[in-house]
């Protein structure tokens, strides 16, 4: 546990120096965090990471599609017809289902590689990482606001 805290502290300190962490930095942090949390054997890791990376790629593709659709809707929300609104809702619903399907496939594929307990640890680690990252971002925004207001 101390290792995790040390790693996250070092990494987030490094990120605080940078203007804005890029996706690769965050991905590296997430990999380190999950690796530490799951304590995978060498054999497990060799089988785990290709499955997990495929899952992450699929989820990222869906998140991009969703962000694009929502961005497009945001820019012309007041001009949407009922038909366009229905199409957008159907697309969002399909995307949500696709995300569930990808997560379900991840769990099924990982069952042959690691224990159910480690899969549950993975799901918890993902949430813990996301929560930690959001907290750090919130702190950075608050600190940035203090600096830009002259420390008030």
C-alpha atoms as a PDB file:
ATOM      1  CA  UNK A   1       0.000   0.000   0.000  1.00  0.00           C
ATOM      2  CA  UNK A   2       2.843   2.367   0.787  1.00  0.00           C
ATOM      3  CA  UNK A   3       4.320   1.632  -2.642  1.00  0.00           C
ATOM      4  CA  UNK A   4       1.059   2.637  -4.299  1.00  0.00           C
ATOM      5  CA  UNK A   5       0.872   5.882  -2.395  1.00  0.00           C
ATOM      6  CA  UNK A   6       4.508   6.627  -3.181  1.00  0.00           C
ATOM      7  CA  UNK A   7       4.068   5.849  -6.882  1.00  0.00           C
ATOM      8  CA  UNK A   8       0.892   7.917  -7.158  1.00  0.00           C
ATOM      9  CA  UNK A   9       2.438  10.805  -5.248  1.00  0.00           C
ATOM     10  CA  UNK A  10       5.486  10.845  -7.500  1.00  0.00           C
ATOM     11  CA  UNK A  11       3.443  10.537 -10.653  1.00  0.00           C
ATOM     12  CA  UNK A  12       0.864  13.130  -9.703  1.00  0.00           C
ATOM     13  CA  UNK A  13       3.620  15.476  -8.598  1.00  0.00           C
ATOM     14  CA  UNK A  14       5.200  15.068 -12.003  1.00  0.00           C
ATOM     15  CA  UNK A  15       1.847  15.696 -13.640  1.00  0.00           C
ATOM     16  CA  UNK A  16       1.292  18.806 -11.544  1.00  0.00           C
ATOM     17  CA  UNK A  17       4.451  20.288 -13.017  1.00  0.00           C
ATOM     18  CA  UNK A  18       3.236  19.694 -16.548  1.00  0.00           C
ATOM     19  CA  UNK A  19       0.539  21.926 -17.982  1.00  0.00           C
ATOM     20  CA  UNK A  20      -1.877  19.115 -18.682  1.00  0.00           C
ATOM     21  CA  UNK A  21      -1.244  15.385 -18.524  1.00  0.00           C
ATOM     22  CA  UNK A  22      -1.658  13.649 -21.836  1.00  0.00           C
ATOM     23  CA  UNK A  23      -3.494  10.400 -22.372  1.00  0.00           C
ATOM     24  CA  UNK A  24      -0.272   8.398 -22.516  1.00  0.00           C
ATOM     25  CA  UNK A  25       0.832   9.667 -19.107  1.00  0.00           C
ATOM     26  CA  UNK A  26      -2.533   8.799 -17.618  1.00  0.00           C
ATOM     27  CA  UNK A  27      -2.490   5.404 -19.297  1.00  0.00           C
ATOM     28  CA  UNK A  28       0.971   4.693 -17.846  1.00  0.00           C
ATOM     29  CA  UNK A  29      -0.244   5.692 -14.399  1.00  0.00           C
ATOM     30  CA  UNK A  30      -3.261   3.454 -14.731  1.00  0.00           C
ATOM     31  CA  UNK A  31      -1.137   0.490 -15.816  1.00  0.00           C
ATOM     32  CA  UNK A  32       1.197   0.979 -12.846  1.00  0.00           C
ATOM     33  CA  UNK A  33      -1.752   1.292 -10.480  1.00  0.00           C
ATOM     34  CA  UNK A  34      -3.513  -1.827 -11.791  1.00  0.00           C
ATOM     35  CA  UNK A  35      -0.272  -3.801 -11.807  1.00  0.00           C
ATOM     36  CA  UNK A  36       0.322  -2.921  -8.174  1.00  0.00           C
ATOM     37  CA  UNK A  37      -3.252  -3.669  -7.146  1.00  0.00           C
ATOM     38  CA  UNK A  38      -3.567  -7.036  -8.879  1.00  0.00           C
ATOM     39  CA  UNK A  39      -0.107  -8.380  -8.071  1.00  0.00           C
ATOM     40  CA  UNK A  40      -0.120 -10.522 -11.216  1.00  0.00           C
ATOM     41  CA  UNK A  41       2.349 -13.339 -11.717  1.00  0.00           C
ATOM     42  CA  UNK A  42       4.519 -13.146 -14.826  1.00  0.00           C
ATOM     43  CA  UNK A  43       2.356 -15.738 -16.578  1.00  0.00           C
ATOM     44  CA  UNK A  44      -0.859 -13.967 -15.593  1.00  0.00           C
ATOM     45  CA  UNK A  45       0.499 -10.605 -16.740  1.00  0.00           C
ATOM     46  CA  UNK A  46       1.486 -12.000 -20.153  1.00  0.00           C
ATOM     47  CA  UNK A  47      -2.088 -13.171 -20.703  1.00  0.00           C
ATOM     48  CA  UNK A  48      -3.856 -10.361 -18.840  1.00  0.00           C
ATOM     49  CA  UNK A  49      -2.456  -7.256 -20.569  1.00  0.00           C
ATOM     50  CA  UNK A  50      -3.355  -8.132 -24.187  1.00  0.00           C
ATOM     51  CA  UNK A  51      -6.954  -8.816 -23.091  1.00  0.00           C
ATOM     52  CA  UNK A  52      -7.132  -5.670 -20.987  1.00  0.00           C
ATOM     53  CA  UNK A  53      -5.537  -3.496 -23.675  1.00  0.00           C
ATOM     54  CA  UNK A  54      -8.059  -4.738 -26.227  1.00  0.00           C
ATOM     55  CA  UNK A  55     -10.854  -3.888 -23.777  1.00  0.00           C
ATOM     56  CA  UNK A  56      -9.421  -0.404 -23.200  1.00  0.00           C
ATOM     57  CA  UNK A  57      -9.101   0.221 -26.946  1.00  0.00           C
ATOM     58  CA  UNK A  58     -12.726  -0.789 -27.514  1.00  0.00           C
ATOM     59  CA  UNK A  59     -13.941   1.373 -24.637  1.00  0.00           C
ATOM     60  CA  UNK A  60     -11.920   4.356 -25.843  1.00  0.00           C
ATOM     61  CA  UNK A  61     -13.405   4.038 -29.323  1.00  0.00           C
ATOM     62  CA  UNK A  62     -16.909   4.049 -27.849  1.00  0.00           C
ATOM     63  CA  UNK A  63     -16.121   6.984 -25.538  1.00  0.00           C
ATOM     64  CA  UNK A  64     -14.832   8.999 -28.521  1.00  0.00           C
ATOM     65  CA  UNK A  65     -17.963   8.236 -30.529  1.00  0.00           C
ATOM     66  CA  UNK A  66     -20.117   9.236 -27.584  1.00  0.00           C
ATOM     67  CA  UNK A  67     -18.191  12.496 -26.976  1.00  0.00           C
ATOM     68  CA  UNK A  68     -18.414  13.373 -30.673  1.00  0.00           C
ATOM     69  CA  UNK A  69     -22.157  12.788 -30.763  1.00  0.00           C
ATOM     70  CA  UNK A  70     -22.731  14.769 -27.567  1.00  0.00           C
ATOM     71  CA  UNK A  71     -20.503  17.573 -28.837  1.00  0.00           C
ATOM     72  CA  UNK A  72     -22.424  17.724 -32.103  1.00  0.00           C
ATOM     73  CA  UNK A  73     -25.724  17.767 -30.213  1.00  0.00           C
ATOM     74  CA  UNK A  74     -24.539  20.471 -27.843  1.00  0.00           C
ATOM     75  CA  UNK A  75     -23.687  22.781 -30.737  1.00  0.00           C
ATOM     76  CA  UNK A  76     -27.113  22.498 -32.326  1.00  0.00           C
ATOM     77  CA  UNK A  77     -29.398  21.301 -29.535  1.00  0.00           C
ATOM     78  CA  UNK A  78     -32.078  23.937 -30.094  1.00  0.00           C
ATOM     79  CA  UNK A  79     -32.304  23.107 -33.804  1.00  0.00           C
ATOM     80  CA  UNK A  80     -32.768  19.332 -33.375  1.00  0.00           C
ATOM     81  CA  UNK A  81     -35.835  17.797 -34.891  1.00  0.00           C
ATOM     82  CA  UNK A  82     -37.724  15.098 -32.998  1.00  0.00           C
ATOM     83  CA  UNK A  83     -36.462  12.499 -35.470  1.00  0.00           C
ATOM     84  CA  UNK A  84     -32.822  13.604 -34.982  1.00  0.00           C
ATOM     85  CA  UNK A  85     -33.345  13.520 -31.220  1.00  0.00           C
ATOM     86  CA  UNK A  86     -34.716   9.985 -31.406  1.00  0.00           C
ATOM     87  CA  UNK A  87     -31.793   8.887 -33.585  1.00  0.00           C
ATOM     88  CA  UNK A  88     -29.340  10.409 -31.111  1.00  0.00           C
ATOM     89  CA  UNK A  89     -31.033   8.647 -28.182  1.00  0.00           C
ATOM     90  CA  UNK A  90     -30.929   5.351 -30.048  1.00  0.00           C
ATOM     91  CA  UNK A  91     -27.225   5.851 -30.773  1.00  0.00           C
ATOM     92  CA  UNK A  92     -26.463   6.695 -27.138  1.00  0.00           C
ATOM     93  CA  UNK A  93     -28.435   3.665 -25.973  1.00  0.00           C
ATOM     94  CA  UNK A  94     -26.565   1.413 -28.413  1.00  0.00           C
ATOM     95  CA  UNK A  95     -23.234   2.845 -27.246  1.00  0.00           C
ATOM     96  CA  UNK A  96     -24.141   2.159 -23.601  1.00  0.00           C
ATOM     97  CA  UNK A  97     -25.052  -1.421 -24.504  1.00  0.00           C
ATOM     98  CA  UNK A  98     -21.820  -1.834 -26.470  1.00  0.00           C
ATOM     99  CA  UNK A  99     -19.863  -0.686 -23.393  1.00  0.00           C
ATOM    100  CA  UNK A 100     -21.620  -3.302 -21.276  1.00  0.00           C
ATOM    101  CA  UNK A 101     -20.941  -5.958 -23.901  1.00  0.00           C
ATOM    102  CA  UNK A 102     -17.223  -5.091 -23.986  1.00  0.00           C
ATOM    103  CA  UNK A 103     -16.984  -5.212 -20.180  1.00  0.00           C
ATOM    104  CA  UNK A 104     -18.806  -8.544 -20.120  1.00  0.00           C
ATOM    105  CA  UNK A 105     -16.407  -9.914 -22.749  1.00  0.00           C
ATOM    106  CA  UNK A 106     -13.458  -8.669 -20.677  1.00  0.00           C
ATOM    107  CA  UNK A 107     -14.723 -10.522 -17.620  1.00  0.00           C
ATOM    108  CA  UNK A 108     -15.365 -13.721 -19.569  1.00  0.00           C
ATOM    109  CA  UNK A 109     -11.926 -13.654 -21.197  1.00  0.00           C
ATOM    110  CA  UNK A 110     -10.151 -12.864 -17.934  1.00  0.00           C
ATOM    111  CA  UNK A 111     -11.822 -15.757 -16.128  1.00  0.00           C
ATOM    112  CA  UNK A 112      -9.524 -18.139 -17.993  1.00  0.00           C
ATOM    113  CA  UNK A 113      -6.461 -16.082 -17.008  1.00  0.00           C
ATOM    114  CA  UNK A 114      -6.945 -14.853 -13.429  1.00  0.00           C
ATOM    115  CA  UNK A 115      -9.175 -15.622 -10.473  1.00  0.00           C
ATOM    116  CA  UNK A 116     -12.585 -14.042 -10.007  1.00  0.00           C
ATOM    117  CA  UNK A 117     -11.170 -12.247  -6.985  1.00  0.00           C
ATOM    118  CA  UNK A 118      -8.505 -10.590  -9.144  1.00  0.00           C
ATOM    119  CA  UNK A 119     -11.161  -9.574 -11.667  1.00  0.00           C
ATOM    120  CA  UNK A 120     -13.101  -7.927  -8.856  1.00  0.00           C
ATOM    121  CA  UNK A 121      -9.878  -6.248  -7.706  1.00  0.00           C
ATOM    122  CA  UNK A 122      -9.430  -4.960 -11.261  1.00  0.00           C
ATOM    123  CA  UNK A 123     -12.901  -3.439 -11.308  1.00  0.00           C
ATOM    124  CA  UNK A 124     -12.244  -1.811  -7.933  1.00  0.00           C
ATOM    125  CA  UNK A 125      -8.788  -0.618  -9.036  1.00  0.00           C
ATOM    126  CA  UNK A 126     -10.280   1.037 -12.117  1.00  0.00           C
ATOM    127  CA  UNK A 127     -12.778   2.921  -9.951  1.00  0.00           C
ATOM    128  CA  UNK A 128     -10.147   3.837  -7.358  1.00  0.00           C
ATOM    129  CA  UNK A 129      -7.834   5.132 -10.065  1.00  0.00           C
ATOM    130  CA  UNK A 130     -10.570   7.183 -11.699  1.00  0.00           C
ATOM    131  CA  UNK A 131     -11.619   8.635  -8.336  1.00  0.00           C
ATOM    132  CA  UNK A 132      -8.011   9.495  -7.469  1.00  0.00           C
ATOM    133  CA  UNK A 133      -7.397  11.096 -10.853  1.00  0.00           C
ATOM    134  CA  UNK A 134     -10.560  13.184 -10.637  1.00  0.00           C
ATOM    135  CA  UNK A 135      -9.637  14.313  -7.129  1.00  0.00           C
ATOM    136  CA  UNK A 136      -6.169  15.398  -8.275  1.00  0.00           C
ATOM    137  CA  UNK A 137      -7.665  17.266 -11.216  1.00  0.00           C
ATOM    138  CA  UNK A 138     -10.115  19.009  -8.913  1.00  0.00           C
ATOM    139  CA  UNK A 139      -7.258  20.035  -6.613  1.00  0.00           C
ATOM    140  CA  UNK A 140      -5.228  21.339  -9.552  1.00  0.00           C
ATOM    141  CA  UNK A 141      -8.156  23.425 -10.759  1.00  0.00           C
ATOM    142  CA  UNK A 142      -8.662  24.847  -7.277  1.00  0.00           C
ATOM    143  CA  UNK A 143      -4.958  25.671  -6.967  1.00  0.00           C
ATOM    144  CA  UNK A 144      -4.891  27.194 -10.440  1.00  0.00           C
ATOM    145  CA  UNK A 145      -7.866  29.371  -9.537  1.00  0.00           C
ATOM    146  CA  UNK A 146      -6.089  30.616  -6.413  1.00  0.00           C
ATOM    147  CA  UNK A 147      -2.988  31.518  -8.419  1.00  0.00           C
ATOM    148  CA  UNK A 148      -4.885  33.280 -11.189  1.00  0.00           C
ATOM    149  CA  UNK A 149      -6.818  35.322  -8.600  1.00  0.00           C
ATOM    150  CA  UNK A 150      -3.633  36.574  -7.025  1.00  0.00           C
ATOM    151  CA  UNK A 151      -3.721  34.045  -4.215  1.00  0.00           C
ATOM    152  CA  UNK A 152      -7.137  35.152  -2.915  1.00  0.00           C
END
